[in-house]
């Protein structure tokens, strides 16, 4: 499997964890095209301005669905979505739809640090 484009999204309580992971792995990530939901992408760019990130809308405003569309259109090869399992999310149906598409289209996705590290080892 070749990963050329990766997507980033994180629940509010996990955004700093994802940003830290991206910072730690930015040398490998510089080789990829990156799609990210708006808020998450903005936070990543503050710490890693050299990364080329296409920012989509914020997750609750349609960014999750934009990532889903990228999966359907074969424009996303992998996804890192740091999920907070302990907090309620008002746009939970959008999150479930995004994960369903990743599963349906056989797109690897990481939902925590351990799985993100494993996914990065595919590069």
C-alpha atoms as a PDB file:
ATOM      1  CA  UNK A   1       0.000   0.000   0.000  1.00  0.00           C
ATOM      2  CA  UNK A   2       1.263   3.453  -0.914  1.00  0.00           C
ATOM      3  CA  UNK A   3       0.156   6.399   1.170  1.00  0.00           C
ATOM      4  CA  UNK A   4       0.307   9.714  -0.671  1.00  0.00           C
ATOM      5  CA  UNK A   5      -2.494  11.638   1.025  1.00  0.00           C
ATOM      6  CA  UNK A   6      -3.407  11.485   4.696  1.00  0.00           C
ATOM      7  CA  UNK A   7      -6.269  13.092   6.580  1.00  0.00           C
ATOM      8  CA  UNK A   8      -6.128  14.566  10.082  1.00  0.00           C
ATOM      9  CA  UNK A   9      -8.996  15.215  12.468  1.00  0.00           C
ATOM     10  CA  UNK A  10      -9.261  15.211  16.258  1.00  0.00           C
ATOM     11  CA  UNK A  11     -11.909  15.816  18.854  1.00  0.00           C
ATOM     12  CA  UNK A  12     -11.310  18.972  20.907  1.00  0.00           C
ATOM     13  CA  UNK A  13      -9.922  17.066  23.892  1.00  0.00           C
ATOM     14  CA  UNK A  14      -7.433  15.237  21.628  1.00  0.00           C
ATOM     15  CA  UNK A  15      -6.243  18.061  19.374  1.00  0.00           C
ATOM     16  CA  UNK A  16      -3.094  18.818  21.385  1.00  0.00           C
ATOM     17  CA  UNK A  17      -2.194  15.112  21.395  1.00  0.00           C
ATOM     18  CA  UNK A  18      -2.519  14.957  17.598  1.00  0.00           C
ATOM     19  CA  UNK A  19      -0.532  18.172  17.141  1.00  0.00           C
ATOM     20  CA  UNK A  20       2.253  16.742  19.319  1.00  0.00           C
ATOM     21  CA  UNK A  21       2.273  13.527  17.287  1.00  0.00           C
ATOM     22  CA  UNK A  22       2.494  15.505  14.024  1.00  0.00           C
ATOM     23  CA  UNK A  23       5.336  17.629  15.423  1.00  0.00           C
ATOM     24  CA  UNK A  24       7.253  14.507  16.412  1.00  0.00           C
ATOM     25  CA  UNK A  25       6.756  12.942  12.972  1.00  0.00           C
ATOM     26  CA  UNK A  26       6.843  15.987  10.713  1.00  0.00           C
ATOM     27  CA  UNK A  27       9.892  14.822   8.736  1.00  0.00           C
ATOM     28  CA  UNK A  28       7.986  11.786   7.457  1.00  0.00           C
ATOM     29  CA  UNK A  29       4.749  13.737   7.040  1.00  0.00           C
ATOM     30  CA  UNK A  30       6.434  16.365   4.825  1.00  0.00           C
ATOM     31  CA  UNK A  31       6.443  13.744   2.064  1.00  0.00           C
ATOM     32  CA  UNK A  32       2.638  13.558   2.036  1.00  0.00           C
ATOM     33  CA  UNK A  33      -0.291  15.653   0.933  1.00  0.00           C
ATOM     34  CA  UNK A  34      -2.434  16.411   3.964  1.00  0.00           C
ATOM     35  CA  UNK A  35      -6.143  17.105   4.277  1.00  0.00           C
ATOM     36  CA  UNK A  36      -7.389  18.250   7.667  1.00  0.00           C
ATOM     37  CA  UNK A  37     -10.504  19.593   9.249  1.00  0.00           C
ATOM     38  CA  UNK A  38     -10.207  23.339   9.753  1.00  0.00           C
ATOM     39  CA  UNK A  39      -9.514  23.781  13.448  1.00  0.00           C
ATOM     40  CA  UNK A  40      -7.205  20.788  13.698  1.00  0.00           C
ATOM     41  CA  UNK A  41      -5.324  21.848  10.564  1.00  0.00           C
ATOM     42  CA  UNK A  42      -4.891  25.376  11.891  1.00  0.00           C
ATOM     43  CA  UNK A  43      -3.405  24.118  15.153  1.00  0.00           C
ATOM     44  CA  UNK A  44      -1.029  21.826  13.263  1.00  0.00           C
ATOM     45  CA  UNK A  45       0.101  24.665  10.984  1.00  0.00           C
ATOM     46  CA  UNK A  46       0.899  26.849  14.015  1.00  0.00           C
ATOM     47  CA  UNK A  47       3.445  24.247  15.179  1.00  0.00           C
ATOM     48  CA  UNK A  48       4.500  22.876  11.775  1.00  0.00           C
ATOM     49  CA  UNK A  49       4.197  25.688   9.206  1.00  0.00           C
ATOM     50  CA  UNK A  50       6.364  23.826   6.680  1.00  0.00           C
ATOM     51  CA  UNK A  51       3.693  21.136   6.191  1.00  0.00           C
ATOM     52  CA  UNK A  52       1.427  21.476   3.188  1.00  0.00           C
ATOM     53  CA  UNK A  53      -2.074  21.158   4.598  1.00  0.00           C
ATOM     54  CA  UNK A  54      -5.322  21.677   2.759  1.00  0.00           C
ATOM     55  CA  UNK A  55      -7.693  22.877   5.456  1.00  0.00           C
ATOM     56  CA  UNK A  56     -11.316  21.887   5.128  1.00  0.00           C
ATOM     57  CA  UNK A  57     -14.227  23.197   7.154  1.00  0.00           C
ATOM     58  CA  UNK A  58     -14.377  22.584  10.878  1.00  0.00           C
ATOM     59  CA  UNK A  59     -15.671  19.078  11.658  1.00  0.00           C
ATOM     60  CA  UNK A  60     -19.124  20.116  12.920  1.00  0.00           C
ATOM     61  CA  UNK A  61     -19.512  22.502   9.982  1.00  0.00           C
ATOM     62  CA  UNK A  62     -18.935  19.814   7.352  1.00  0.00           C
ATOM     63  CA  UNK A  63     -15.217  19.019   7.523  1.00  0.00           C
ATOM     64  CA  UNK A  64     -15.865  15.419   8.563  1.00  0.00           C
ATOM     65  CA  UNK A  65     -18.133  15.050   5.550  1.00  0.00           C
ATOM     66  CA  UNK A  66     -15.519  16.625   3.275  1.00  0.00           C
ATOM     67  CA  UNK A  67     -13.013  13.994   4.445  1.00  0.00           C
ATOM     68  CA  UNK A  68     -15.660  11.353   3.760  1.00  0.00           C
ATOM     69  CA  UNK A  69     -16.113  12.698   0.242  1.00  0.00           C
ATOM     70  CA  UNK A  70     -12.339  12.519  -0.282  1.00  0.00           C
ATOM     71  CA  UNK A  71     -12.468   8.850   0.715  1.00  0.00           C
ATOM     72  CA  UNK A  72     -15.323   8.165  -1.731  1.00  0.00           C
ATOM     73  CA  UNK A  73     -13.457   9.968  -4.503  1.00  0.00           C
ATOM     74  CA  UNK A  74     -10.274   7.966  -3.851  1.00  0.00           C
ATOM     75  CA  UNK A  75      -8.360  11.102  -2.815  1.00  0.00           C
ATOM     76  CA  UNK A  76      -7.491   9.946   0.713  1.00  0.00           C
ATOM     77  CA  UNK A  77      -5.172   6.994   1.355  1.00  0.00           C
ATOM     78  CA  UNK A  78      -5.165   7.007   5.166  1.00  0.00           C
ATOM     79  CA  UNK A  79      -6.648   8.910   8.078  1.00  0.00           C
ATOM     80  CA  UNK A  80      -5.590   9.789  11.599  1.00  0.00           C
ATOM     81  CA  UNK A  81      -8.611  10.621  13.750  1.00  0.00           C
ATOM     82  CA  UNK A  82      -7.863  11.014  17.437  1.00  0.00           C
ATOM     83  CA  UNK A  83     -11.186  10.226  19.053  1.00  0.00           C
ATOM     84  CA  UNK A  84     -12.158  11.183  22.587  1.00  0.00           C
ATOM     85  CA  UNK A  85     -14.278   8.281  23.837  1.00  0.00           C
ATOM     86  CA  UNK A  86     -15.190  10.014  27.104  1.00  0.00           C
ATOM     87  CA  UNK A  87     -16.907  13.184  25.876  1.00  0.00           C
ATOM     88  CA  UNK A  88     -20.245  13.618  24.099  1.00  0.00           C
ATOM     89  CA  UNK A  89     -20.055  15.036  20.591  1.00  0.00           C
ATOM     90  CA  UNK A  90     -23.027  16.868  19.062  1.00  0.00           C
ATOM     91  CA  UNK A  91     -22.000  15.867  15.530  1.00  0.00           C
ATOM     92  CA  UNK A  92     -21.558  12.190  16.431  1.00  0.00           C
ATOM     93  CA  UNK A  93     -23.539  11.090  13.373  1.00  0.00           C
ATOM     94  CA  UNK A  94     -20.984  12.803  11.113  1.00  0.00           C
ATOM     95  CA  UNK A  95     -18.139  11.047  12.926  1.00  0.00           C
ATOM     96  CA  UNK A  96     -19.848   7.673  12.550  1.00  0.00           C
ATOM     97  CA  UNK A  97     -20.452   8.330   8.855  1.00  0.00           C
ATOM     98  CA  UNK A  98     -16.767   9.186   8.323  1.00  0.00           C
ATOM     99  CA  UNK A  99     -15.591   6.046  10.099  1.00  0.00           C
ATOM    100  CA  UNK A 100     -18.127   3.956   8.173  1.00  0.00           C
ATOM    101  CA  UNK A 101     -16.726   5.242   4.871  1.00  0.00           C
ATOM    102  CA  UNK A 102     -13.156   4.513   5.940  1.00  0.00           C
ATOM    103  CA  UNK A 103     -14.185   0.954   6.745  1.00  0.00           C
ATOM    104  CA  UNK A 104     -16.299   0.553   3.605  1.00  0.00           C
ATOM    105  CA  UNK A 105     -13.533   1.810   1.282  1.00  0.00           C
ATOM    106  CA  UNK A 106     -10.791  -0.048   3.162  1.00  0.00           C
ATOM    107  CA  UNK A 107      -8.927   3.135   4.127  1.00  0.00           C
ATOM    108  CA  UNK A 108      -6.617   2.585   7.085  1.00  0.00           C
ATOM    109  CA  UNK A 109      -7.322   4.894   9.979  1.00  0.00           C
ATOM    110  CA  UNK A 110      -5.647   5.444  13.319  1.00  0.00           C
ATOM    111  CA  UNK A 111      -7.647   6.530  16.337  1.00  0.00           C
ATOM    112  CA  UNK A 112      -4.905   6.887  18.982  1.00  0.00           C
ATOM    113  CA  UNK A 113      -1.134   7.282  19.378  1.00  0.00           C
ATOM    114  CA  UNK A 114      -0.323   3.572  19.094  1.00  0.00           C
ATOM    115  CA  UNK A 115      -2.313   3.061  15.897  1.00  0.00           C
ATOM    116  CA  UNK A 116      -0.996   6.341  14.417  1.00  0.00           C
ATOM    117  CA  UNK A 117       2.580   5.145  14.983  1.00  0.00           C
ATOM    118  CA  UNK A 118       1.728   1.823  13.324  1.00  0.00           C
ATOM    119  CA  UNK A 119       0.153   3.609  10.358  1.00  0.00           C
ATOM    120  CA  UNK A 120       3.204   5.831   9.966  1.00  0.00           C
ATOM    121  CA  UNK A 121       5.399   2.743   9.760  1.00  0.00           C
ATOM    122  CA  UNK A 122       3.675   1.946   6.439  1.00  0.00           C
ATOM    123  CA  UNK A 123       5.549   4.889   4.876  1.00  0.00           C
END
